[in-house]
Protein backbone atom coordinates (compact mmCIF):
# COMPACT_ATOMS: atom_id res chain seq x y z
CA MET A 1 -43.50 1.17 11.34
CA ASP A 2 -41.61 -1.41 14.21
CA SER A 3 -41.18 0.43 17.39
CA SER A 4 -38.69 -1.63 18.33
CA ASP A 5 -36.57 -1.04 16.05
CA PRO A 6 -36.36 2.75 15.54
CA VAL A 7 -34.55 4.99 13.60
CA ILE A 8 -32.58 7.06 15.85
CA ALA A 9 -29.93 8.61 13.20
CA SER A 10 -30.10 9.83 9.56
CA TYR A 11 -27.42 11.17 7.26
CA ASP A 12 -26.91 12.95 4.35
CA VAL A 13 -24.06 10.69 2.37
CA TYR A 14 -21.41 12.40 -0.03
CA LEU A 15 -18.61 10.83 -1.93
CA THR A 16 -15.25 12.77 -2.20
CA ASP A 17 -12.83 12.42 -4.93
CA SER A 18 -11.59 9.21 -5.52
CA GLU A 19 -8.63 10.47 -8.27
CA ILE A 20 -6.79 11.31 -4.65
CA SER A 21 -4.20 8.50 -3.03
CA ARG A 22 -4.85 7.68 -0.50
CA TYR A 23 -2.90 4.54 1.86
CA VAL A 24 -3.85 2.99 5.00
CA LEU A 25 -0.43 2.01 6.10
CA GLN A 26 -0.68 -1.44 8.81
CA TYR A 27 2.06 -1.79 11.66
CA LEU A 28 1.74 -4.99 12.22
CA ASP A 29 4.41 -5.02 15.38
CA ARG A 30 3.12 -1.70 16.94
CA LEU A 31 0.53 -1.83 19.56
CA PRO A 32 -2.37 0.87 18.22
CA ASP A 33 -2.24 3.06 21.91
CA TYR A 34 1.53 3.97 20.53
CA PRO A 35 1.24 4.97 17.20
CA TYR A 36 4.49 7.00 15.36
CA ASP A 37 4.10 10.51 16.21
CA ASP A 38 5.49 13.10 17.70
CA ARG A 39 3.81 12.94 21.09
CA HIS A 40 5.19 9.42 21.47
CA GLY A 41 8.68 10.38 19.96
CA GLN A 42 8.56 8.49 17.06
CA LYS A 43 7.16 10.75 14.23
CA PRO A 44 8.42 9.16 11.10
CA THR A 45 11.14 11.52 9.44
CA GLY A 46 10.70 10.07 5.65
CA PHE A 47 7.97 8.52 3.34
CA ARG A 48 8.96 7.44 -0.05
CA LEU A 49 7.24 5.50 -2.65
CA LYS A 50 8.14 3.92 -6.08
CA PRO A 51 4.19 4.72 -7.44
CA LYS A 52 5.19 2.28 -10.38
CA THR A 53 5.95 -1.22 -8.64
CA GLY A 54 4.43 0.15 -5.38
CA LEU A 55 7.50 -0.23 -2.62
CA ILE A 56 6.86 2.21 0.17
CA GLU A 57 9.38 2.91 2.93
CA VAL A 58 8.86 4.91 6.05
CA ASP A 59 11.99 5.88 8.43
CA VAL A 60 11.22 5.86 12.26
CA PRO A 61 13.56 7.19 14.59
CA ILE A 62 14.87 4.76 17.38
CA ASN A 63 14.85 5.58 20.89
CA THR A 64 18.80 4.84 21.71
CA ARG A 65 18.40 6.00 25.46
CA LYS A 66 16.07 2.62 26.05
CA ASN A 67 16.62 -0.83 25.78
CA TYR A 68 19.75 -0.35 23.02
CA ASP A 69 22.70 -1.88 22.58
CA VAL A 70 25.42 0.51 21.90
CA ASN A 71 27.89 -1.81 20.06
CA LYS A 72 25.58 -3.09 17.70
CA GLY A 73 23.85 0.10 16.98
CA LEU A 74 27.78 1.47 16.41
CA LYS A 75 28.69 -1.66 14.07
CA TYR A 76 25.31 -1.70 11.71
CA GLY A 77 25.55 2.04 11.92
CA ASP A 78 29.51 1.96 10.45
CA ALA A 79 28.33 -0.64 7.95
CA LEU A 80 25.84 1.56 6.14
CA LYS A 81 28.33 4.14 6.27
CA LYS A 82 30.33 2.46 4.12
CA SER A 83 28.21 0.51 2.66
CA ARG A 84 28.54 1.04 -1.58
CA SER A 85 25.00 0.30 -2.10
CA ALA A 86 24.66 3.59 -0.27
CA GLN A 87 26.84 5.59 -2.06
CA ASP A 88 25.98 4.64 -5.30
CA GLY A 89 22.85 5.65 -4.65
CA GLY A 90 21.25 2.07 -4.54
CA ALA A 91 19.21 0.44 -2.22
CA PHE A 92 18.93 -2.52 -0.39
CA GLY A 93 15.87 -5.64 -0.34
CA MET A 94 13.13 -5.62 -3.26
CA ALA A 95 13.69 -1.61 -3.59
CA GLY A 96 16.87 -2.08 -4.74
CA GLY A 97 16.42 -5.16 -6.88
CA PHE A 98 17.86 -7.67 -4.37
CA SER A 99 21.20 -5.95 -5.82
CA GLY A 100 24.43 -4.68 -4.33
CA GLY A 101 23.35 -1.57 -6.04
CA ALA A 102 23.40 -0.13 -9.30
CA PRO A 103 24.63 2.87 -11.00
CA GLY A 104 22.07 5.05 -11.86
CA GLY A 105 19.51 3.77 -9.28
CA SER A 106 17.73 6.42 -6.78
CA LYS A 107 19.61 8.10 -3.89
CA VAL A 108 18.09 6.79 -0.13
CA LYS A 109 18.21 8.14 2.97
CA MET A 110 19.55 5.19 5.01
CA GLU A 111 19.63 4.18 9.22
CA ALA A 112 22.40 6.07 9.76
CA GLY A 113 21.49 8.82 11.22
CA GLY A 114 24.88 11.17 11.32
CA ASP A 115 27.64 10.91 12.70
CA VAL A 116 28.33 11.05 16.86
CA GLU A 117 31.67 11.24 18.71
CA MET A 118 31.89 8.36 21.18
CA GLY A 119 34.52 8.33 23.51
CA GLY A 120 37.17 5.71 24.17
CA MET A 121 36.87 3.98 20.66
CA GLY A 122 40.77 3.79 20.62
CA ASN A 123 41.36 5.84 17.50
CA GLY A 124 39.30 8.52 18.39
CA ASP A 125 38.01 8.89 15.27
CA SER A 126 33.46 9.57 14.81
CA ALA A 127 31.62 6.57 14.57
CA SER A 128 28.13 6.23 12.89
CA LEU A 129 25.22 5.23 15.29
CA LEU A 130 22.32 3.21 13.91
CA ARG A 131 19.19 6.14 14.87
CA VAL A 132 16.29 5.38 12.14
CA GLN A 133 14.60 2.11 11.82
CA THR A 134 13.03 1.52 8.03
CA LEU A 135 9.71 0.07 7.17
CA GLY A 136 8.74 -1.22 4.19
CA GLY A 137 5.81 -2.73 2.08
CA ARG A 138 3.85 -3.00 -1.15
CA ILE A 139 1.04 -2.34 -2.38
CA LYS A 140 -0.94 -5.41 -3.70
CA ILE A 141 -2.37 -4.44 -7.11
CA PRO A 142 -6.67 -4.96 -6.63
CA GLU A 143 -8.00 -7.44 -8.29
CA GLU A 144 -11.92 -8.29 -9.46
CA GLY A 145 -13.62 -8.80 -6.38
CA ASP A 146 -11.23 -7.19 -3.69
CA PRO A 147 -13.21 -5.26 -1.26
CA VAL A 148 -13.74 -1.68 -1.53
CA TYR A 149 -12.51 0.01 1.59
CA MET A 150 -13.81 3.48 2.67
CA LEU A 151 -12.49 6.61 4.93
CA ALA A 152 -15.47 7.93 6.77
CA ALA A 153 -15.79 11.21 7.86
CA PHE A 154 -18.82 12.92 9.69
CA ARG A 155 -19.20 16.98 9.78
CA GLY A 156 -22.91 17.60 11.45
CA ASN A 157 -25.00 14.92 9.84
CA ASN A 158 -22.97 15.02 6.80
CA LEU A 159 -21.10 11.25 6.50
CA HIS A 160 -18.38 12.15 3.54
CA LEU A 161 -16.95 8.33 2.43
CA SER A 162 -12.78 8.38 0.83
CA PRO A 163 -12.18 5.31 -1.22
CA VAL A 164 -9.06 4.05 -0.01
CA SER A 165 -6.17 3.78 -2.93
CA ALA A 166 -4.93 0.60 -1.45
CA VAL A 167 -3.98 -0.99 2.83
CA VAL A 168 -0.16 -1.76 2.98
CA GLN A 169 1.07 -3.67 5.98
CA VAL A 170 4.82 -2.33 6.64
CA HIS A 171 7.35 -4.49 8.42
CA PRO A 172 11.04 -4.18 9.20
CA GLN A 173 13.41 -3.82 6.89
CA LEU A 174 17.02 -5.64 7.65
CA HIS A 175 18.63 -3.04 5.29
CA HIS A 176 21.48 -2.67 8.00
CA LEU A 177 22.53 -6.53 8.04
CA ASP A 178 22.84 -6.56 4.08
CA ALA A 179 24.95 -3.88 4.29
CA LEU A 180 26.85 -5.47 7.00
CA ASP A 181 27.01 -9.06 4.80
CA GLU A 182 28.34 -6.64 2.02
CA ILE A 183 31.70 -5.09 3.93
CA PRO A 184 33.43 -8.99 3.39
CA ALA A 185 32.47 -9.41 0.19
CA LYS A 186 33.69 -6.33 -1.11
CA GLY A 187 37.09 -6.12 0.64
CA LYS A 188 37.34 -9.42 -1.01
CA GLY A 189 37.06 -7.80 -4.46
CA LYS A 190 38.93 -5.36 -3.99
CA ARG A 191 41.89 -7.85 -3.30
CA LYS A 192 41.26 -9.72 -6.50
CA ASP A 193 41.19 -6.96 -8.62
CA GLU A 194 44.55 -5.65 -7.02
CA GLU A 195 45.82 -8.93 -7.93
CA GLU A 196 44.71 -9.42 -11.66
CA GLY A 197 46.00 -5.67 -11.73
CA GLY A 198 42.01 -4.40 -11.91
CA GLY A 199 40.42 -1.08 -10.81
CA GLY A 200 38.06 -2.19 -8.00
CA ASN A 201 35.75 0.25 -9.43
CA GLU A 202 34.50 -1.15 -12.73
CA ALA A 203 31.12 -2.04 -13.31
CA ARG A 204 29.83 -4.90 -14.32
CA ALA A 205 26.71 -6.42 -15.59
CA ILE A 206 24.67 -9.09 -13.53
CA ASP A 207 23.82 -12.60 -16.11
CA VAL A 208 21.10 -14.05 -14.74
CA LYS A 209 20.17 -17.17 -16.41
CA VAL A 210 17.51 -19.82 -15.77
CA LYS A 211 18.07 -23.66 -16.75
CA GLY A 212 16.15 -27.59 -15.92
CA ALA A 213 13.31 -25.22 -15.31
CA GLU A 214 9.46 -26.28 -16.98
CA ASP A 215 7.93 -23.22 -19.33
CA GLY A 216 5.79 -22.55 -17.04
CA GLU A 217 8.33 -22.02 -13.63
CA ALA A 218 10.58 -20.77 -16.28
CA GLY A 219 7.51 -17.62 -17.06
CA ILE A 220 7.05 -17.03 -14.13
CA MET A 221 11.26 -16.87 -12.51
CA ALA A 222 11.37 -14.19 -16.12
CA SER A 223 8.65 -12.52 -14.72
CA ASN A 224 9.91 -12.11 -11.54
CA ILE A 225 13.38 -11.24 -12.51
CA ASP A 226 11.60 -8.41 -14.67
CA LEU A 227 9.49 -7.15 -11.89
CA LEU A 228 13.19 -6.66 -9.72
CA LYS A 229 14.71 -5.33 -12.35
CA LYS A 230 12.19 -2.28 -12.57
CA MET A 231 12.06 -1.93 -9.26
CA GLN A 232 15.84 -1.24 -8.80
CA GLU A 233 15.96 1.53 -11.55
CA GLU A 234 12.39 3.13 -10.56
CA LYS A 235 13.43 5.91 -8.57
CA TRP A 236 12.26 6.71 -5.23
CA GLY A 237 9.45 10.01 -4.73
CA ALA A 238 10.39 11.54 -1.70
CA TYR A 239 7.72 12.80 0.68
CA ASP A 240 7.77 15.05 3.90
CA TRP A 241 5.61 13.13 6.92
CA ILE A 242 2.92 15.58 8.73
CA ASP A 243 2.11 14.92 12.42
CA ALA A 244 -1.24 14.11 13.04
CA GLU A 245 -1.64 16.55 15.72
CA THR A 246 -0.12 19.39 13.49
CA GLU A 247 -2.43 22.41 12.29
CA GLU A 248 -1.46 21.19 8.56
CA SER A 249 -2.17 18.46 9.29
CA TRP A 250 -6.30 18.84 10.01
CA HIS A 251 -6.06 21.33 7.21
CA VAL A 252 -5.37 18.31 4.90
CA TYR A 253 -7.99 16.30 6.39
CA GLU A 254 -10.32 19.13 6.05
CA SER A 255 -9.41 19.30 2.05
CA TYR A 256 -8.92 15.67 0.82
CA MET A 257 -11.38 14.07 2.68
CA MET A 258 -14.40 16.15 3.11
CA HIS A 259 -16.77 18.24 0.01
CA GLN A 260 -16.22 21.85 0.88
CA ASP A 261 -19.24 23.18 -1.71
CA LEU A 262 -22.11 20.46 -0.81
CA GLU A 263 -24.40 22.32 -3.37
CA SER A 264 -22.44 21.85 -6.30
CA LEU A 265 -22.24 17.98 -6.34
CA PRO A 266 -24.62 15.69 -8.51
CA GLN A 267 -26.97 13.24 -7.28
CA LEU A 268 -26.24 9.78 -6.94
CA GLU A 269 -28.93 7.94 -8.88
CA SER A 270 -28.86 4.28 -8.91
CA ALA A 271 -28.05 2.23 -12.17
CA ILE A 272 -30.35 -1.26 -10.05
CA ASN A 273 -33.71 -1.37 -9.10
CA SER A 274 -34.85 -2.89 -5.70
CA GLU A 275 -36.21 -6.30 -7.63
CA ASN A 276 -32.74 -6.67 -9.43
CA TYR A 277 -31.06 -5.76 -5.88
CA LEU A 278 -32.63 -8.16 -4.13
CA ASP A 279 -31.87 -11.07 -6.76
CA LYS A 280 -27.93 -9.92 -6.62
CA MET A 281 -27.96 -9.67 -2.20
CA SER A 282 -30.13 -13.19 -2.33
CA ALA A 283 -29.86 -17.02 -3.16
CA PRO A 284 -31.89 -17.83 -6.62
CA ARG A 285 -35.30 -17.56 -6.72
CA ILE A 286 -37.26 -20.50 -7.68
CA ASP A 287 -40.95 -20.54 -9.43
CA PRO A 288 -42.38 -23.72 -7.56
CA ALA A 289 -44.85 -23.97 -10.62
CA ASN A 290 -41.53 -24.27 -12.94
CA PRO A 291 -38.60 -25.91 -11.18
CA GLU A 292 -36.57 -25.22 -13.93
CA MET A 293 -36.41 -21.77 -13.91
CA THR A 294 -34.24 -19.91 -11.52
CA GLY A 295 -32.97 -15.85 -11.35
CA TRP A 296 -33.47 -14.61 -14.99
CA ALA A 297 -35.89 -17.18 -17.09
CA MET A 298 -38.17 -16.81 -14.27
CA LYS A 299 -37.92 -13.23 -14.21
CA GLN A 300 -38.70 -13.67 -18.40
CA ASN A 301 -41.26 -15.86 -17.55
CA ARG A 302 -43.21 -13.97 -14.97
CA MET A 303 -43.66 -10.57 -17.34
CA LYS A 304 -44.99 -12.69 -19.83
CA GLN A 305 -47.53 -14.01 -17.63
CA GLY A 306 -48.25 -10.43 -16.65
CA GLY A 307 -48.79 -9.82 -20.10
CA ARG A 308 -51.30 -12.26 -21.12
CA ASP A 309 -53.23 -10.94 -17.74
CA SER A 310 -53.01 -7.76 -18.97
CA SER A 311 -55.01 -8.63 -22.26
CA ARG A 312 -57.01 -11.02 -20.70
CA SER A 313 -58.89 -8.24 -18.78
CA SER A 314 -58.47 -5.79 -21.39
CA ARG A 315 -61.08 -8.68 -23.74
CA SER A 316 -63.41 -9.07 -20.32
CA SER A 317 -63.66 -5.81 -19.94
CA THR A 318 -64.47 -5.23 -23.65
CA THR A 319 -66.76 -8.62 -24.09
CA GLU A 320 -68.72 -6.72 -21.00
CA GLU A 321 -69.78 -3.98 -22.13
CA GLY A 322 -70.63 -5.05 -25.45
C-alpha cells in the first residue's frame, strides 16, 4: 500500500427508493447566499406541477417596501385582477398553451396577492397590488446518455444516495405583461360584439393551419401545437411549500433521504467483472501480435490461447509420468 496516498475514511453506501420524485430547482437569477426561504423573507407561497407535460411554477413574494415601483405594481396587479384568463381558470405562457385562456383549464393562483386600500387614487376604489412573482420551468425528459444525478446524505459512516428525478431551471414568468396586453384586445372585442349584436361571452374555437412548410417542418409544427394543447388542458397539481428550517422539513428529509431499517436491505451485486469494467472505462486494448484484434475479439483469442496452453500442459504431464 502506498503510504503517500492513505485511505482516510470508508463508508457503506446505500441506495434509497428511486420511485420517489425528487426535483432540484435552479434559480438562475438568484445568488446562492440568498435562497427563497422564510429567513430571508421570501418563502415561496405555492408550488404547482403539471406532471404529464412537465411544467413547474413557484410563487415567491415580492418585497414591496424596497426598490418597488408602486404605480407599476398597481397597474400590473389590476391587469391580473381583470384578466379573462385568470377569471376563466386558465394560465399564461406555456402553461396556458400561449392562449388567452379556455374553459376547462385549471385554476391558477396569479401574482395579484389581494386587494389593498390605496389612498389618493381619485375614485376611492380598492386597487390590487402585484405582490407575488411567478417562477417557471419545464422538466426535461431524460435521454439515453444523460448523466444521473444523486443527492448524498451522511449518517455516521453510512452514505445514502438518492436519485434525482430532474434538474429544473426556473425563470421569472411575465404573466403580468400578458395580462396587460390582454386588456385592450378584450375591450376591442367587446365593442365589436356590441356592434354586431353579439353577447361577447361566446367561446370560439381557434383553428391553426400550417401553410407552405416542408413535410418535416409541418410535422414538427403539428407536434408543437399538440404539445401546447396538452399543456393548456392538463390541470395543475398544487403542493404546499415547507420551509427548509422547519421541524416538518427535517422529518421529510429523514424519511425520504435515508433508509431507516438497514438490516433488511439486499446486498448490491455487480453485474460486471473487473476485466470488463476496465474495458468499459479505458480505450480499446490492442494485441501487439495481432493488431487487427481489439476489445472483444482480442479477449476471445486470449481465452482460446489459454485453453490450448492448459491442454499442452496436461499432455506434457502425462508423458512425463509415462
